[in-house]
Each structure stands twice: as structure tokens, then as C-alpha cells.
């Protein structure tokens, strides 16, 4: 079985070799630097607003699901900010800036916006 070559951690200035992605030390440092959800606006007001939205929008509204009949769509479990700015953005609590999404579709969209994949 072929082994994958080690690579240098992609964090600028870190020389650590890893099998893929950031080294454990850089991952921990990035995790510690990220603000807590409450600090990013995901507080009780957001939890109530998103729960109310999911009550009236129970199916995933992502572009892939929008083309399907409603009962063939994934169930929505998360509310996405279309502009990507979250609850602290200028339209954070504007329902016209929201879309109900399944966990897997929301994670895929967030990863594409964050990492450009």
C-alpha cells in the first residue's frame, strides 16, 4: 500500500511535517483564537429566531434541493445567512437573508465560502 508523503503545516512560519492539514499545535492555536459562538452573535435571541424560522421552513432550501419536490428534500436543521455574515452582520436578523438548510448542505456551503473549495 502506498503511503502519502508528509507535507509542511500550511500555517505561515510553521515547519512541522504533517500527513495532511495543520499540525495539532496550530489547530489548537486556531481553535483558541476563534471567538465563542455567543461572541459571534449566536445567542439566545438567534436560537429563538432560527427555531421559529425552521418551524415554518422545515425543508432544505439550498440551490440543489430547491430543484427537488419538497418531500424529496433533506430536512432542515440549521438556518444559513445567505450573505455569510452571520447574526452580527447588517442583515443578521432579516429573514429575507436566511435559508433553511440541512447540516450537510450548510457545512458544504460554509466550507466553500471559508476555504474556497
C-alpha atoms as a PDB file:
ATOM      1  CA  UNK A   1       0.000   0.000   0.000  1.00  0.00           C
ATOM      2  CA  UNK A   2       1.403   3.413  -0.981  1.00  0.00           C
ATOM      3  CA  UNK A   3       1.985   5.899   1.807  1.00  0.00           C
ATOM      4  CA  UNK A   4       1.130   9.543   1.383  1.00  0.00           C
ATOM      5  CA  UNK A   5       4.076  11.928   1.591  1.00  0.00           C
ATOM      6  CA  UNK A   6       4.280  14.193   4.621  1.00  0.00           C
ATOM      7  CA  UNK A   7       3.759  17.897   3.999  1.00  0.00           C
ATOM      8  CA  UNK A   8       4.721  21.060   5.858  1.00  0.00           C
ATOM      9  CA  UNK A   9       1.964  22.545   8.028  1.00  0.00           C
ATOM     10  CA  UNK A  10       0.222  25.265   5.947  1.00  0.00           C
ATOM     11  CA  UNK A  11       0.336  27.775   8.833  1.00  0.00           C
ATOM     12  CA  UNK A  12       2.818  30.504   7.822  1.00  0.00           C
ATOM     13  CA  UNK A  13       6.143  30.013   9.591  1.00  0.00           C
ATOM     14  CA  UNK A  14       5.381  26.542  10.974  1.00  0.00           C
ATOM     15  CA  UNK A  15       7.956  23.940   9.850  1.00  0.00           C
ATOM     16  CA  UNK A  16       6.150  20.891  11.311  1.00  0.00           C
ATOM     17  CA  UNK A  17       5.552  17.956   8.967  1.00  0.00           C
ATOM     18  CA  UNK A  18       2.007  16.550   8.951  1.00  0.00           C
ATOM     19  CA  UNK A  19       0.204  13.841   6.965  1.00  0.00           C
ATOM     20  CA  UNK A  20      -2.356  16.496   5.928  1.00  0.00           C
ATOM     21  CA  UNK A  21      -3.649  19.885   7.047  1.00  0.00           C
ATOM     22  CA  UNK A  22      -2.409  21.858  10.025  1.00  0.00           C
ATOM     23  CA  UNK A  23      -0.291  20.314  12.743  1.00  0.00           C
ATOM     24  CA  UNK A  24      -2.008  19.669  16.117  1.00  0.00           C
ATOM     25  CA  UNK A  25      -0.351  22.697  17.761  1.00  0.00           C
ATOM     26  CA  UNK A  26      -1.509  25.068  15.028  1.00  0.00           C
ATOM     27  CA  UNK A  27      -5.022  23.552  15.083  1.00  0.00           C
ATOM     28  CA  UNK A  28      -5.226  24.156  18.847  1.00  0.00           C
ATOM     29  CA  UNK A  29      -3.958  27.725  18.486  1.00  0.00           C
ATOM     30  CA  UNK A  30      -6.519  28.479  15.741  1.00  0.00           C
ATOM     31  CA  UNK A  31      -9.325  26.934  17.812  1.00  0.00           C
ATOM     32  CA  UNK A  32      -8.358  29.032  20.864  1.00  0.00           C
ATOM     33  CA  UNK A  33      -8.236  32.233  18.774  1.00  0.00           C
ATOM     34  CA  UNK A  34     -11.730  31.730  17.324  1.00  0.00           C
ATOM     35  CA  UNK A  35     -14.388  33.689  19.257  1.00  0.00           C
ATOM     36  CA  UNK A  36     -17.030  31.671  21.097  1.00  0.00           C
ATOM     37  CA  UNK A  37     -20.439  31.327  19.375  1.00  0.00           C
ATOM     38  CA  UNK A  38     -22.035  33.802  21.802  1.00  0.00           C
ATOM     39  CA  UNK A  39     -19.388  36.375  20.855  1.00  0.00           C
ATOM     40  CA  UNK A  40     -20.206  35.802  17.164  1.00  0.00           C
ATOM     41  CA  UNK A  41     -23.904  36.590  17.768  1.00  0.00           C
ATOM     42  CA  UNK A  42     -25.243  33.037  18.133  1.00  0.00           C
ATOM     43  CA  UNK A  43     -27.016  33.810  21.415  1.00  0.00           C
ATOM     44  CA  UNK A  44     -30.472  33.051  22.823  1.00  0.00           C
ATOM     45  CA  UNK A  45     -32.104  35.654  20.547  1.00  0.00           C
ATOM     46  CA  UNK A  46     -30.588  33.941  17.489  1.00  0.00           C
ATOM     47  CA  UNK A  47     -31.506  30.460  18.721  1.00  0.00           C
ATOM     48  CA  UNK A  48     -35.152  31.536  19.164  1.00  0.00           C
ATOM     49  CA  UNK A  49     -35.306  33.314  15.784  1.00  0.00           C
ATOM     50  CA  UNK A  50     -33.752  30.366  13.929  1.00  0.00           C
ATOM     51  CA  UNK A  51     -36.014  27.826  15.687  1.00  0.00           C
ATOM     52  CA  UNK A  52     -39.068  29.898  14.701  1.00  0.00           C
ATOM     53  CA  UNK A  53     -37.816  30.064  11.100  1.00  0.00           C
ATOM     54  CA  UNK A  54     -37.286  26.291  10.942  1.00  0.00           C
ATOM     55  CA  UNK A  55     -40.861  25.747  12.148  1.00  0.00           C
ATOM     56  CA  UNK A  56     -42.159  27.452   9.001  1.00  0.00           C
ATOM     57  CA  UNK A  57     -39.353  26.241   6.678  1.00  0.00           C
ATOM     58  CA  UNK A  58     -38.834  22.557   7.537  1.00  0.00           C
ATOM     59  CA  UNK A  59     -37.073  21.519   4.297  1.00  0.00           C
ATOM     60  CA  UNK A  60     -33.633  22.407   2.941  1.00  0.00           C
ATOM     61  CA  UNK A  61     -33.728  25.477   0.682  1.00  0.00           C
ATOM     62  CA  UNK A  62     -30.220  25.211  -0.778  1.00  0.00           C
ATOM     63  CA  UNK A  63     -29.943  25.525  -4.579  1.00  0.00           C
ATOM     64  CA  UNK A  64     -29.521  21.740  -5.025  1.00  0.00           C
ATOM     65  CA  UNK A  65     -32.647  20.953  -3.003  1.00  0.00           C
ATOM     66  CA  UNK A  66     -34.725  23.829  -4.386  1.00  0.00           C
ATOM     67  CA  UNK A  67     -34.969  21.971  -7.703  1.00  0.00           C
ATOM     68  CA  UNK A  68     -36.486  18.905  -5.996  1.00  0.00           C
ATOM     69  CA  UNK A  69     -40.091  18.337  -4.924  1.00  0.00           C
ATOM     70  CA  UNK A  70     -40.462  19.335  -1.275  1.00  0.00           C
ATOM     71  CA  UNK A  71     -40.790  15.803   0.103  1.00  0.00           C
ATOM     72  CA  UNK A  72     -37.558  14.731  -1.635  1.00  0.00           C
ATOM     73  CA  UNK A  73     -35.527  17.475   0.029  1.00  0.00           C
ATOM     74  CA  UNK A  74     -33.430  16.969   3.157  1.00  0.00           C
ATOM     75  CA  UNK A  75     -34.972  18.091   6.420  1.00  0.00           C
ATOM     76  CA  UNK A  76     -33.615  21.467   7.506  1.00  0.00           C
ATOM     77  CA  UNK A  77     -31.823  21.617  10.843  1.00  0.00           C
ATOM     78  CA  UNK A  78     -29.911  24.900  10.501  1.00  0.00           C
ATOM     79  CA  UNK A  79     -30.560  28.444   9.321  1.00  0.00           C
ATOM     80  CA  UNK A  80     -27.972  29.882   6.940  1.00  0.00           C
ATOM     81  CA  UNK A  81     -27.213  33.562   6.437  1.00  0.00           C
ATOM     82  CA  UNK A  82     -27.206  33.964   2.663  1.00  0.00           C
ATOM     83  CA  UNK A  83     -24.758  36.879   2.837  1.00  0.00           C
ATOM     84  CA  UNK A  84     -22.413  34.776   5.010  1.00  0.00           C
ATOM     85  CA  UNK A  85     -22.039  37.466   7.682  1.00  0.00           C
ATOM     86  CA  UNK A  86     -23.947  35.740  10.494  1.00  0.00           C
ATOM     87  CA  UNK A  87     -26.185  37.336  13.113  1.00  0.00           C
ATOM     88  CA  UNK A  88     -23.828  40.280  13.666  1.00  0.00           C
ATOM     89  CA  UNK A  89     -23.998  41.329  10.006  1.00  0.00           C
ATOM     90  CA  UNK A  90     -26.224  44.211   8.889  1.00  0.00           C
ATOM     91  CA  UNK A  91     -28.941  41.734   7.843  1.00  0.00           C
ATOM     92  CA  UNK A  92     -28.314  39.196  10.616  1.00  0.00           C
ATOM     93  CA  UNK A  93     -31.922  39.128  11.822  1.00  0.00           C
ATOM     94  CA  UNK A  94     -33.570  39.758   8.436  1.00  0.00           C
ATOM     95  CA  UNK A  95     -35.480  36.592   7.404  1.00  0.00           C
ATOM     96  CA  UNK A  96     -35.067  37.514   3.720  1.00  0.00           C
ATOM     97  CA  UNK A  97     -31.332  36.874   4.289  1.00  0.00           C
ATOM     98  CA  UNK A  98     -31.940  33.373   5.690  1.00  0.00           C
ATOM     99  CA  UNK A  99     -32.378  29.949   4.175  1.00  0.00           C
ATOM    100  CA  UNK A 100     -33.192  26.718   5.949  1.00  0.00           C
ATOM    101  CA  UNK A 101     -30.563  24.059   5.280  1.00  0.00           C
ATOM    102  CA  UNK A 102     -29.636  20.526   6.235  1.00  0.00           C
ATOM    103  CA  UNK A 103     -26.455  20.128   8.277  1.00  0.00           C
ATOM    104  CA  UNK A 104     -24.514  18.576   5.376  1.00  0.00           C
ATOM    105  CA  UNK A 105     -25.516  21.267   2.865  1.00  0.00           C
ATOM    106  CA  UNK A 106     -24.845  24.099   5.321  1.00  0.00           C
ATOM    107  CA  UNK A 107     -21.422  22.650   6.174  1.00  0.00           C
ATOM    108  CA  UNK A 108     -20.592  22.289   2.476  1.00  0.00           C
ATOM    109  CA  UNK A 109     -21.602  25.908   1.751  1.00  0.00           C
ATOM    110  CA  UNK A 110     -19.674  27.233   4.754  1.00  0.00           C
ATOM    111  CA  UNK A 111     -16.542  25.284   3.787  1.00  0.00           C
ATOM    112  CA  UNK A 112     -16.721  26.561   0.207  1.00  0.00           C
ATOM    113  CA  UNK A 113     -17.091  30.162   1.409  1.00  0.00           C
ATOM    114  CA  UNK A 114     -14.386  29.835   4.059  1.00  0.00           C
ATOM    115  CA  UNK A 115     -11.770  27.766   2.257  1.00  0.00           C
ATOM    116  CA  UNK A 116     -12.743  28.322  -1.374  1.00  0.00           C
ATOM    117  CA  UNK A 117     -13.303  24.638  -2.138  1.00  0.00           C
END
